[in-house]
Amino acid sequence: MKDGWEIERKFLVRREALPPLAPGERIAQVYLGFDPTVRVRLQAGRGYLTVKGRGLAARRELELEIAAEAAGALMDFRVAGTIAVEKTRYRVPWGGRTWEVDVFEGPLEGLVLAEVELDSLDAALDTPPWADQEVTDDPSYQNANLAKAGNPP
């Protein structure tokens, strides 16, 4: 169980500038609620149930590992009118940190986002050359909102 604060910054990615990527992990996730945000995820054969509080760069997060079979069954309870968010996640080391690069599939195909977790909101950050516009403060790039609305403008 992970219980604490999630502090992260998020960027659009210039895909053509990415270095060669190591094999990634497929992720499928759906949302069971939005206030608070309740997500169920299947990732690399494991299941997770996550509850996130309000916020963009920093918010409270509780994550529980659950049986993959339970996660698969819970996916049937996603909020009506939302899509399953499908992506492949790649871990890319840069500037002493591990960046997570998400290449979206299905209805969100073409979207590539990178996020990096930080210890504090004012932590120094060496931004890689493939990180483009920062979208940390744009709620349309939160996965929960992507599940509701599809690709952002």
N, C-alpha and C. Protein backbone atom coordinates (compact mmCIF):
# COMPACT_ATOMS: atom_id res chain seq x y z
N MET A 1 0.85 -1.18 0.00
CA MET A 1 0.00 0.00 0.00
C MET A 1 0.89 1.23 0.00
N LYS A 2 0.57 2.15 -0.86
CA LYS A 2 1.26 3.43 -0.91
C LYS A 2 0.27 4.50 -0.46
N ASP A 3 0.61 5.24 0.58
CA ASP A 3 -0.27 6.28 1.11
C ASP A 3 0.58 7.52 1.35
N GLY A 4 0.24 8.59 0.70
CA GLY A 4 1.01 9.81 0.88
C GLY A 4 0.60 10.86 -0.12
N TRP A 5 1.57 11.68 -0.47
CA TRP A 5 1.34 12.76 -1.43
C TRP A 5 2.04 12.44 -2.73
N GLU A 6 1.36 12.69 -3.83
CA GLU A 6 1.94 12.58 -5.16
C GLU A 6 2.27 13.99 -5.60
N ILE A 7 3.54 14.24 -5.87
CA ILE A 7 3.99 15.53 -6.38
C ILE A 7 4.66 15.25 -7.71
N GLU A 8 4.12 15.81 -8.79
CA GLU A 8 4.68 15.52 -10.10
C GLU A 8 4.50 16.70 -11.05
N ARG A 9 5.34 16.71 -12.07
CA ARG A 9 5.19 17.66 -13.16
C ARG A 9 4.99 16.85 -14.43
N LYS A 10 4.21 17.42 -15.35
CA LYS A 10 3.81 16.71 -16.57
C LYS A 10 4.09 17.57 -17.79
N PHE A 11 4.56 16.92 -18.86
CA PHE A 11 4.96 17.60 -20.09
C PHE A 11 4.44 16.85 -21.32
N LEU A 12 4.11 17.60 -22.36
CA LEU A 12 3.92 16.99 -23.67
C LEU A 12 5.29 16.54 -24.15
N VAL A 13 5.32 15.54 -25.03
CA VAL A 13 6.59 14.98 -25.49
C VAL A 13 6.71 15.14 -27.00
N ARG A 14 7.92 15.56 -27.42
CA ARG A 14 8.25 15.55 -28.85
C ARG A 14 8.78 14.14 -29.14
N ARG A 15 7.89 13.32 -29.65
CA ARG A 15 8.19 11.89 -29.81
C ARG A 15 9.44 11.65 -30.67
N GLU A 16 9.62 12.47 -31.70
CA GLU A 16 10.77 12.28 -32.59
C GLU A 16 12.10 12.57 -31.89
N ALA A 17 12.08 13.25 -30.76
CA ALA A 17 13.30 13.59 -30.04
C ALA A 17 13.62 12.59 -28.92
N LEU A 18 12.73 11.63 -28.69
CA LEU A 18 12.97 10.63 -27.64
C LEU A 18 14.17 9.75 -27.98
N PRO A 19 14.93 9.36 -26.97
CA PRO A 19 15.98 8.37 -27.21
C PRO A 19 15.34 7.01 -27.44
N PRO A 20 16.12 6.01 -27.89
CA PRO A 20 15.55 4.66 -27.99
C PRO A 20 15.01 4.23 -26.62
N LEU A 21 13.84 3.63 -26.64
CA LEU A 21 13.16 3.27 -25.39
C LEU A 21 13.33 1.79 -25.08
N ALA A 22 13.55 1.49 -23.81
CA ALA A 22 13.57 0.10 -23.35
C ALA A 22 12.13 -0.42 -23.41
N PRO A 23 11.92 -1.72 -23.35
CA PRO A 23 10.55 -2.23 -23.37
C PRO A 23 9.70 -1.57 -22.28
N GLY A 24 8.45 -1.30 -22.63
CA GLY A 24 7.54 -0.64 -21.71
C GLY A 24 6.53 -1.61 -21.12
N GLU A 25 5.67 -1.07 -20.27
CA GLU A 25 4.59 -1.85 -19.65
C GLU A 25 3.25 -1.35 -20.13
N ARG A 26 2.41 -2.27 -20.56
CA ARG A 26 1.04 -1.92 -20.97
C ARG A 26 0.21 -1.62 -19.74
N ILE A 27 -0.60 -0.57 -19.85
CA ILE A 27 -1.49 -0.16 -18.77
C ILE A 27 -2.88 0.04 -19.34
N ALA A 28 -3.87 -0.48 -18.65
CA ALA A 28 -5.28 -0.18 -18.95
C ALA A 28 -5.89 0.28 -17.64
N GLN A 29 -6.61 1.39 -17.68
CA GLN A 29 -7.22 1.90 -16.45
C GLN A 29 -8.56 2.54 -16.75
N VAL A 30 -9.44 2.44 -15.77
CA VAL A 30 -10.76 3.06 -15.86
C VAL A 30 -11.02 3.79 -14.54
N TYR A 31 -12.04 4.62 -14.57
CA TYR A 31 -12.37 5.44 -13.41
C TYR A 31 -13.73 5.04 -12.87
N LEU A 32 -13.78 4.85 -11.54
CA LEU A 32 -15.01 4.47 -10.87
C LEU A 32 -15.69 5.67 -10.24
N GLY A 33 -15.00 6.79 -10.14
CA GLY A 33 -15.55 8.01 -9.56
C GLY A 33 -14.57 9.15 -9.73
N PHE A 34 -15.06 10.37 -9.52
CA PHE A 34 -14.22 11.54 -9.79
C PHE A 34 -14.10 12.53 -8.64
N ASP A 35 -14.77 12.35 -7.54
CA ASP A 35 -14.62 13.29 -6.42
C ASP A 35 -14.82 12.56 -5.10
N PRO A 36 -13.78 11.87 -4.61
CA PRO A 36 -12.41 11.85 -5.09
C PRO A 36 -12.27 10.96 -6.34
N THR A 37 -11.12 11.07 -6.98
CA THR A 37 -10.84 10.25 -8.15
C THR A 37 -10.54 8.82 -7.68
N VAL A 38 -11.30 7.86 -8.22
CA VAL A 38 -11.09 6.44 -7.89
C VAL A 38 -10.79 5.72 -9.21
N ARG A 39 -9.61 5.13 -9.26
CA ARG A 39 -9.14 4.49 -10.49
C ARG A 39 -8.82 3.03 -10.22
N VAL A 40 -9.09 2.17 -11.21
CA VAL A 40 -8.64 0.79 -11.16
C VAL A 40 -7.75 0.58 -12.38
N ARG A 41 -6.63 -0.11 -12.15
CA ARG A 41 -5.62 -0.24 -13.20
C ARG A 41 -5.12 -1.68 -13.27
N LEU A 42 -4.87 -2.12 -14.51
CA LEU A 42 -4.13 -3.35 -14.77
C LEU A 42 -2.80 -2.94 -15.41
N GLN A 43 -1.71 -3.38 -14.80
CA GLN A 43 -0.39 -3.02 -15.29
C GLN A 43 0.55 -4.19 -15.09
N ALA A 44 1.10 -4.68 -16.20
CA ALA A 44 2.06 -5.78 -16.15
C ALA A 44 1.53 -6.97 -15.35
N GLY A 45 0.25 -7.31 -15.56
CA GLY A 45 -0.34 -8.47 -14.91
C GLY A 45 -0.71 -8.27 -13.45
N ARG A 46 -0.65 -7.04 -12.97
CA ARG A 46 -1.00 -6.75 -11.58
C ARG A 46 -2.14 -5.75 -11.55
N GLY A 47 -2.93 -5.80 -10.48
CA GLY A 47 -4.06 -4.90 -10.33
C GLY A 47 -3.82 -3.87 -9.25
N TYR A 48 -4.39 -2.66 -9.45
CA TYR A 48 -4.24 -1.59 -8.46
C TYR A 48 -5.56 -0.83 -8.35
N LEU A 49 -5.89 -0.45 -7.14
CA LEU A 49 -7.01 0.44 -6.87
C LEU A 49 -6.41 1.69 -6.24
N THR A 50 -6.70 2.84 -6.83
CA THR A 50 -6.08 4.09 -6.40
C THR A 50 -7.16 5.13 -6.14
N VAL A 51 -6.99 5.87 -5.06
CA VAL A 51 -7.85 7.01 -4.74
C VAL A 51 -6.96 8.24 -4.68
N LYS A 52 -7.35 9.28 -5.42
CA LYS A 52 -6.56 10.52 -5.46
C LYS A 52 -7.44 11.69 -5.06
N GLY A 53 -6.86 12.58 -4.27
CA GLY A 53 -7.56 13.79 -3.88
C GLY A 53 -7.50 14.84 -4.97
N ARG A 54 -7.99 16.02 -4.66
CA ARG A 54 -7.98 17.13 -5.61
C ARG A 54 -6.57 17.71 -5.73
N GLY A 55 -6.29 18.28 -6.89
CA GLY A 55 -5.01 18.95 -7.09
C GLY A 55 -4.45 18.62 -8.45
N LEU A 56 -3.44 19.39 -8.85
CA LEU A 56 -2.78 19.17 -10.12
C LEU A 56 -1.34 18.71 -9.89
N ALA A 57 -0.47 19.59 -9.42
CA ALA A 57 0.92 19.22 -9.21
C ALA A 57 1.10 18.38 -7.94
N ALA A 58 0.26 18.60 -6.94
CA ALA A 58 0.39 17.86 -5.68
C ALA A 58 -1.00 17.46 -5.19
N ARG A 59 -1.12 16.21 -4.78
CA ARG A 59 -2.40 15.74 -4.22
C ARG A 59 -2.19 14.46 -3.44
N ARG A 60 -3.10 14.23 -2.55
CA ARG A 60 -3.06 13.02 -1.71
C ARG A 60 -3.37 11.82 -2.58
N GLU A 61 -2.68 10.70 -2.31
CA GLU A 61 -2.88 9.49 -3.09
C GLU A 61 -2.78 8.27 -2.18
N LEU A 62 -3.71 7.36 -2.35
CA LEU A 62 -3.69 6.06 -1.67
C LEU A 62 -3.80 5.00 -2.76
N GLU A 63 -2.84 4.10 -2.81
CA GLU A 63 -2.84 3.05 -3.83
C GLU A 63 -2.70 1.69 -3.17
N LEU A 64 -3.60 0.78 -3.54
CA LEU A 64 -3.59 -0.58 -3.02
C LEU A 64 -3.38 -1.56 -4.17
N GLU A 65 -2.49 -2.51 -4.00
CA GLU A 65 -2.39 -3.58 -4.98
C GLU A 65 -3.50 -4.56 -4.69
N ILE A 66 -4.22 -4.95 -5.73
CA ILE A 66 -5.31 -5.92 -5.61
C ILE A 66 -5.08 -7.02 -6.64
N ALA A 67 -5.79 -8.11 -6.50
CA ALA A 67 -5.67 -9.21 -7.45
C ALA A 67 -6.03 -8.72 -8.86
N ALA A 68 -5.27 -9.18 -9.83
CA ALA A 68 -5.55 -8.77 -11.22
C ALA A 68 -6.97 -9.15 -11.62
N GLU A 69 -7.46 -10.29 -11.15
CA GLU A 69 -8.82 -10.71 -11.49
C GLU A 69 -9.84 -9.73 -10.91
N ALA A 70 -9.60 -9.25 -9.70
CA ALA A 70 -10.50 -8.27 -9.09
C ALA A 70 -10.46 -6.96 -9.86
N ALA A 71 -9.26 -6.54 -10.27
CA ALA A 71 -9.14 -5.30 -11.05
C ALA A 71 -9.91 -5.44 -12.37
N GLY A 72 -9.76 -6.58 -13.02
CA GLY A 72 -10.48 -6.80 -14.27
C GLY A 72 -11.98 -6.74 -14.08
N ALA A 73 -12.47 -7.33 -12.99
CA ALA A 73 -13.91 -7.30 -12.71
C ALA A 73 -14.38 -5.88 -12.38
N LEU A 74 -13.58 -5.13 -11.63
CA LEU A 74 -13.96 -3.75 -11.28
C LEU A 74 -14.02 -2.84 -12.51
N MET A 75 -13.27 -3.17 -13.53
CA MET A 75 -13.27 -2.34 -14.74
C MET A 75 -14.66 -2.26 -15.37
N ASP A 76 -15.49 -3.26 -15.12
CA ASP A 76 -16.85 -3.25 -15.64
C ASP A 76 -17.71 -2.16 -14.99
N PHE A 77 -17.25 -1.59 -13.89
CA PHE A 77 -18.01 -0.58 -13.16
C PHE A 77 -17.56 0.84 -13.47
N ARG A 78 -16.84 1.03 -14.57
CA ARG A 78 -16.36 2.37 -14.88
C ARG A 78 -17.53 3.33 -15.06
N VAL A 79 -17.28 4.59 -14.81
CA VAL A 79 -18.30 5.62 -14.93
C VAL A 79 -18.84 5.63 -16.35
N ALA A 80 -20.16 5.64 -16.49
CA ALA A 80 -20.79 5.65 -17.82
C ALA A 80 -20.31 6.85 -18.62
N GLY A 81 -20.08 6.62 -19.90
CA GLY A 81 -19.67 7.70 -20.79
C GLY A 81 -18.18 7.97 -20.81
N THR A 82 -17.39 7.22 -20.01
CA THR A 82 -15.94 7.40 -20.02
C THR A 82 -15.29 6.28 -20.83
N ILE A 83 -14.05 6.52 -21.20
CA ILE A 83 -13.30 5.51 -21.95
C ILE A 83 -12.26 4.87 -21.04
N ALA A 84 -11.82 3.68 -21.42
CA ALA A 84 -10.67 3.08 -20.76
C ALA A 84 -9.43 3.78 -21.31
N VAL A 85 -8.55 4.18 -20.43
CA VAL A 85 -7.29 4.80 -20.84
C VAL A 85 -6.28 3.67 -21.03
N GLU A 86 -5.77 3.57 -22.26
CA GLU A 86 -4.80 2.53 -22.60
C GLU A 86 -3.51 3.19 -23.05
N LYS A 87 -2.40 2.70 -22.51
CA LYS A 87 -1.12 3.30 -22.83
C LYS A 87 0.00 2.32 -22.55
N THR A 88 1.16 2.61 -23.10
CA THR A 88 2.37 1.90 -22.76
C THR A 88 3.28 2.88 -22.05
N ARG A 89 3.78 2.46 -20.89
CA ARG A 89 4.63 3.34 -20.07
C ARG A 89 6.09 2.90 -20.20
N TYR A 90 6.92 3.89 -20.49
CA TYR A 90 8.36 3.68 -20.60
C TYR A 90 9.05 4.48 -19.50
N ARG A 91 10.04 3.90 -18.87
CA ARG A 91 10.82 4.61 -17.86
C ARG A 91 12.12 5.07 -18.49
N VAL A 92 12.35 6.39 -18.40
CA VAL A 92 13.51 6.99 -19.06
C VAL A 92 14.32 7.76 -18.03
N PRO A 93 15.56 7.36 -17.76
CA PRO A 93 16.38 8.11 -16.82
C PRO A 93 16.85 9.43 -17.45
N TRP A 94 16.79 10.50 -16.66
CA TRP A 94 17.29 11.80 -17.13
C TRP A 94 17.51 12.71 -15.92
N GLY A 95 18.67 13.32 -15.88
CA GLY A 95 18.94 14.32 -14.85
C GLY A 95 18.84 13.79 -13.43
N GLY A 96 19.19 12.52 -13.22
CA GLY A 96 19.15 11.94 -11.90
C GLY A 96 17.76 11.50 -11.45
N ARG A 97 16.79 11.55 -12.34
CA ARG A 97 15.42 11.14 -12.02
C ARG A 97 14.94 10.13 -13.06
N THR A 98 13.87 9.42 -12.71
CA THR A 98 13.24 8.52 -13.68
C THR A 98 11.97 9.18 -14.18
N TRP A 99 11.92 9.45 -15.46
CA TRP A 99 10.74 10.02 -16.11
C TRP A 99 9.89 8.87 -16.62
N GLU A 100 8.57 9.02 -16.49
CA GLU A 100 7.64 8.05 -17.05
C GLU A 100 7.03 8.65 -18.30
N VAL A 101 7.27 8.01 -19.44
CA VAL A 101 6.76 8.46 -20.73
C VAL A 101 5.61 7.54 -21.10
N ASP A 102 4.41 8.12 -21.24
CA ASP A 102 3.21 7.37 -21.59
C ASP A 102 2.84 7.63 -23.04
N VAL A 103 2.80 6.55 -23.82
CA VAL A 103 2.38 6.60 -25.22
C VAL A 103 0.97 6.01 -25.24
N PHE A 104 -0.01 6.86 -25.52
CA PHE A 104 -1.42 6.48 -25.44
C PHE A 104 -1.86 5.75 -26.69
N GLU A 105 -2.87 4.90 -26.51
CA GLU A 105 -3.42 4.08 -27.60
C GLU A 105 -4.93 4.27 -27.65
N GLY A 106 -5.57 3.56 -28.56
CA GLY A 106 -7.02 3.63 -28.67
C GLY A 106 -7.48 5.03 -29.01
N PRO A 107 -8.55 5.50 -28.35
CA PRO A 107 -9.09 6.83 -28.67
C PRO A 107 -8.11 7.97 -28.39
N LEU A 108 -7.09 7.73 -27.58
CA LEU A 108 -6.11 8.77 -27.25
C LEU A 108 -4.82 8.64 -28.06
N GLU A 109 -4.84 7.78 -29.08
CA GLU A 109 -3.64 7.55 -29.87
C GLU A 109 -3.09 8.87 -30.41
N GLY A 110 -1.77 8.98 -30.37
CA GLY A 110 -1.09 10.19 -30.81
C GLY A 110 -0.63 11.06 -29.66
N LEU A 111 -1.25 10.90 -28.50
CA LEU A 111 -0.87 11.67 -27.32
C LEU A 111 0.31 10.98 -26.63
N VAL A 112 1.35 11.76 -26.32
CA VAL A 112 2.50 11.25 -25.58
C VAL A 112 2.80 12.25 -24.48
N LEU A 113 2.78 11.78 -23.24
CA LEU A 113 3.03 12.62 -22.07
C LEU A 113 4.18 12.04 -21.26
N ALA A 114 4.93 12.93 -20.60
CA ALA A 114 5.97 12.51 -19.67
C ALA A 114 5.69 13.16 -18.33
N GLU A 115 5.89 12.39 -17.28
CA GLU A 115 5.74 12.95 -15.95
C GLU A 115 6.91 12.49 -15.09
N VAL A 116 7.22 13.31 -14.12
CA VAL A 116 8.31 13.00 -13.20
C VAL A 116 7.84 13.33 -11.79
N GLU A 117 8.07 12.39 -10.87
CA GLU A 117 7.69 12.61 -9.48
C GLU A 117 8.81 13.34 -8.77
N LEU A 118 8.40 14.25 -7.88
CA LEU A 118 9.34 15.10 -7.16
C LEU A 118 9.12 14.97 -5.66
N ASP A 119 10.11 15.40 -4.89
CA ASP A 119 10.00 15.40 -3.44
C ASP A 119 9.27 16.62 -2.92
N SER A 120 9.28 17.71 -3.69
CA SER A 120 8.61 18.94 -3.27
C SER A 120 8.23 19.73 -4.51
N LEU A 121 7.30 20.66 -4.34
CA LEU A 121 6.85 21.48 -5.47
C LEU A 121 7.94 22.36 -6.03
N ASP A 122 8.90 22.75 -5.21
CA ASP A 122 9.96 23.65 -5.67
C ASP A 122 11.28 22.93 -5.96
N ALA A 123 11.24 21.60 -6.11
CA ALA A 123 12.45 20.83 -6.41
C ALA A 123 13.02 21.24 -7.76
N ALA A 124 14.35 21.33 -7.83
CA ALA A 124 15.02 21.65 -9.09
C ALA A 124 14.79 20.51 -10.07
N LEU A 125 14.65 20.87 -11.34
CA LEU A 125 14.36 19.86 -12.35
C LEU A 125 15.14 20.15 -13.62
N ASP A 126 15.90 19.16 -14.08
CA ASP A 126 16.61 19.22 -15.35
C ASP A 126 15.67 18.62 -16.39
N THR A 127 15.11 19.47 -17.24
CA THR A 127 14.13 19.02 -18.22
C THR A 127 14.83 18.46 -19.46
N PRO A 128 14.47 17.25 -19.88
CA PRO A 128 15.13 16.65 -21.05
C PRO A 128 14.74 17.37 -22.35
N PRO A 129 15.55 17.22 -23.38
CA PRO A 129 15.27 17.93 -24.64
C PRO A 129 14.00 17.45 -25.35
N TRP A 130 13.52 16.28 -25.03
CA TRP A 130 12.30 15.76 -25.66
C TRP A 130 11.04 16.20 -24.93
N ALA A 131 11.19 16.82 -23.76
CA ALA A 131 10.03 17.34 -23.04
C ALA A 131 9.69 18.69 -23.65
N ASP A 132 8.47 18.83 -24.08
CA ASP A 132 8.02 20.05 -24.75
C ASP A 132 7.26 20.91 -23.75
N GLN A 133 6.10 21.36 -24.12
CA GLN A 133 5.29 22.25 -23.28
C GLN A 133 4.91 21.58 -21.96
N GLU A 134 5.08 22.30 -20.86
CA GLU A 134 4.64 21.79 -19.57
C GLU A 134 3.13 21.94 -19.45
N VAL A 135 2.46 20.87 -19.01
CA VAL A 135 0.99 20.87 -18.88
C VAL A 135 0.55 20.49 -17.47
N THR A 136 1.46 20.61 -16.51
CA THR A 136 1.15 20.26 -15.13
C THR A 136 -0.12 20.94 -14.64
N ASP A 137 -0.26 22.22 -14.94
CA ASP A 137 -1.38 23.00 -14.42
C ASP A 137 -2.61 23.01 -15.34
N ASP A 138 -2.60 22.18 -16.36
CA ASP A 138 -3.74 22.09 -17.28
C ASP A 138 -4.52 20.81 -16.97
N PRO A 139 -5.67 20.93 -16.31
CA PRO A 139 -6.41 19.73 -15.89
C PRO A 139 -6.85 18.83 -17.05
N SER A 140 -6.90 19.35 -18.27
CA SER A 140 -7.34 18.51 -19.39
C SER A 140 -6.35 17.39 -19.69
N TYR A 141 -5.12 17.47 -19.14
CA TYR A 141 -4.13 16.42 -19.36
C TYR A 141 -4.06 15.42 -18.21
N GLN A 142 -4.91 15.55 -17.20
CA GLN A 142 -4.98 14.52 -16.17
C GLN A 142 -5.68 13.31 -16.77
N ASN A 143 -5.18 12.13 -16.46
CA ASN A 143 -5.75 10.90 -17.03
C ASN A 143 -7.24 10.78 -16.77
N ALA A 144 -7.70 11.19 -15.59
CA ALA A 144 -9.14 11.12 -15.29
C ALA A 144 -9.93 11.97 -16.26
N ASN A 145 -9.44 13.15 -16.60
CA ASN A 145 -10.15 14.01 -17.54
C ASN A 145 -10.02 13.50 -18.97
N LEU A 146 -8.91 12.86 -19.30
CA LEU A 146 -8.77 12.23 -20.62
C LEU A 146 -9.81 11.12 -20.76
N ALA A 147 -10.08 10.40 -19.68
CA ALA A 147 -11.09 9.33 -19.72
C ALA A 147 -12.48 9.90 -19.96
N LYS A 148 -12.73 11.13 -19.50
CA LYS A 148 -14.04 11.76 -19.68
C LYS A 148 -14.18 12.41 -21.04
N ALA A 149 -13.14 13.07 -21.51
CA ALA A 149 -13.27 13.94 -22.68
C ALA A 149 -12.48 13.49 -23.91
N GLY A 150 -11.60 12.54 -23.75
CA GLY A 150 -10.75 12.15 -24.88
C GLY A 150 -9.59 13.12 -25.02
N ASN A 151 -9.01 13.21 -26.21
CA ASN A 151 -7.84 14.05 -26.44
C ASN A 151 -8.13 15.49 -26.09
N PRO A 152 -7.18 16.16 -25.38
CA PRO A 152 -7.36 17.57 -25.08
C PRO A 152 -7.22 18.42 -26.34
N PRO A 153 -7.66 19.67 -26.26
CA PRO A 153 -7.58 20.53 -27.45
C PRO A 153 -6.15 20.76 -27.92
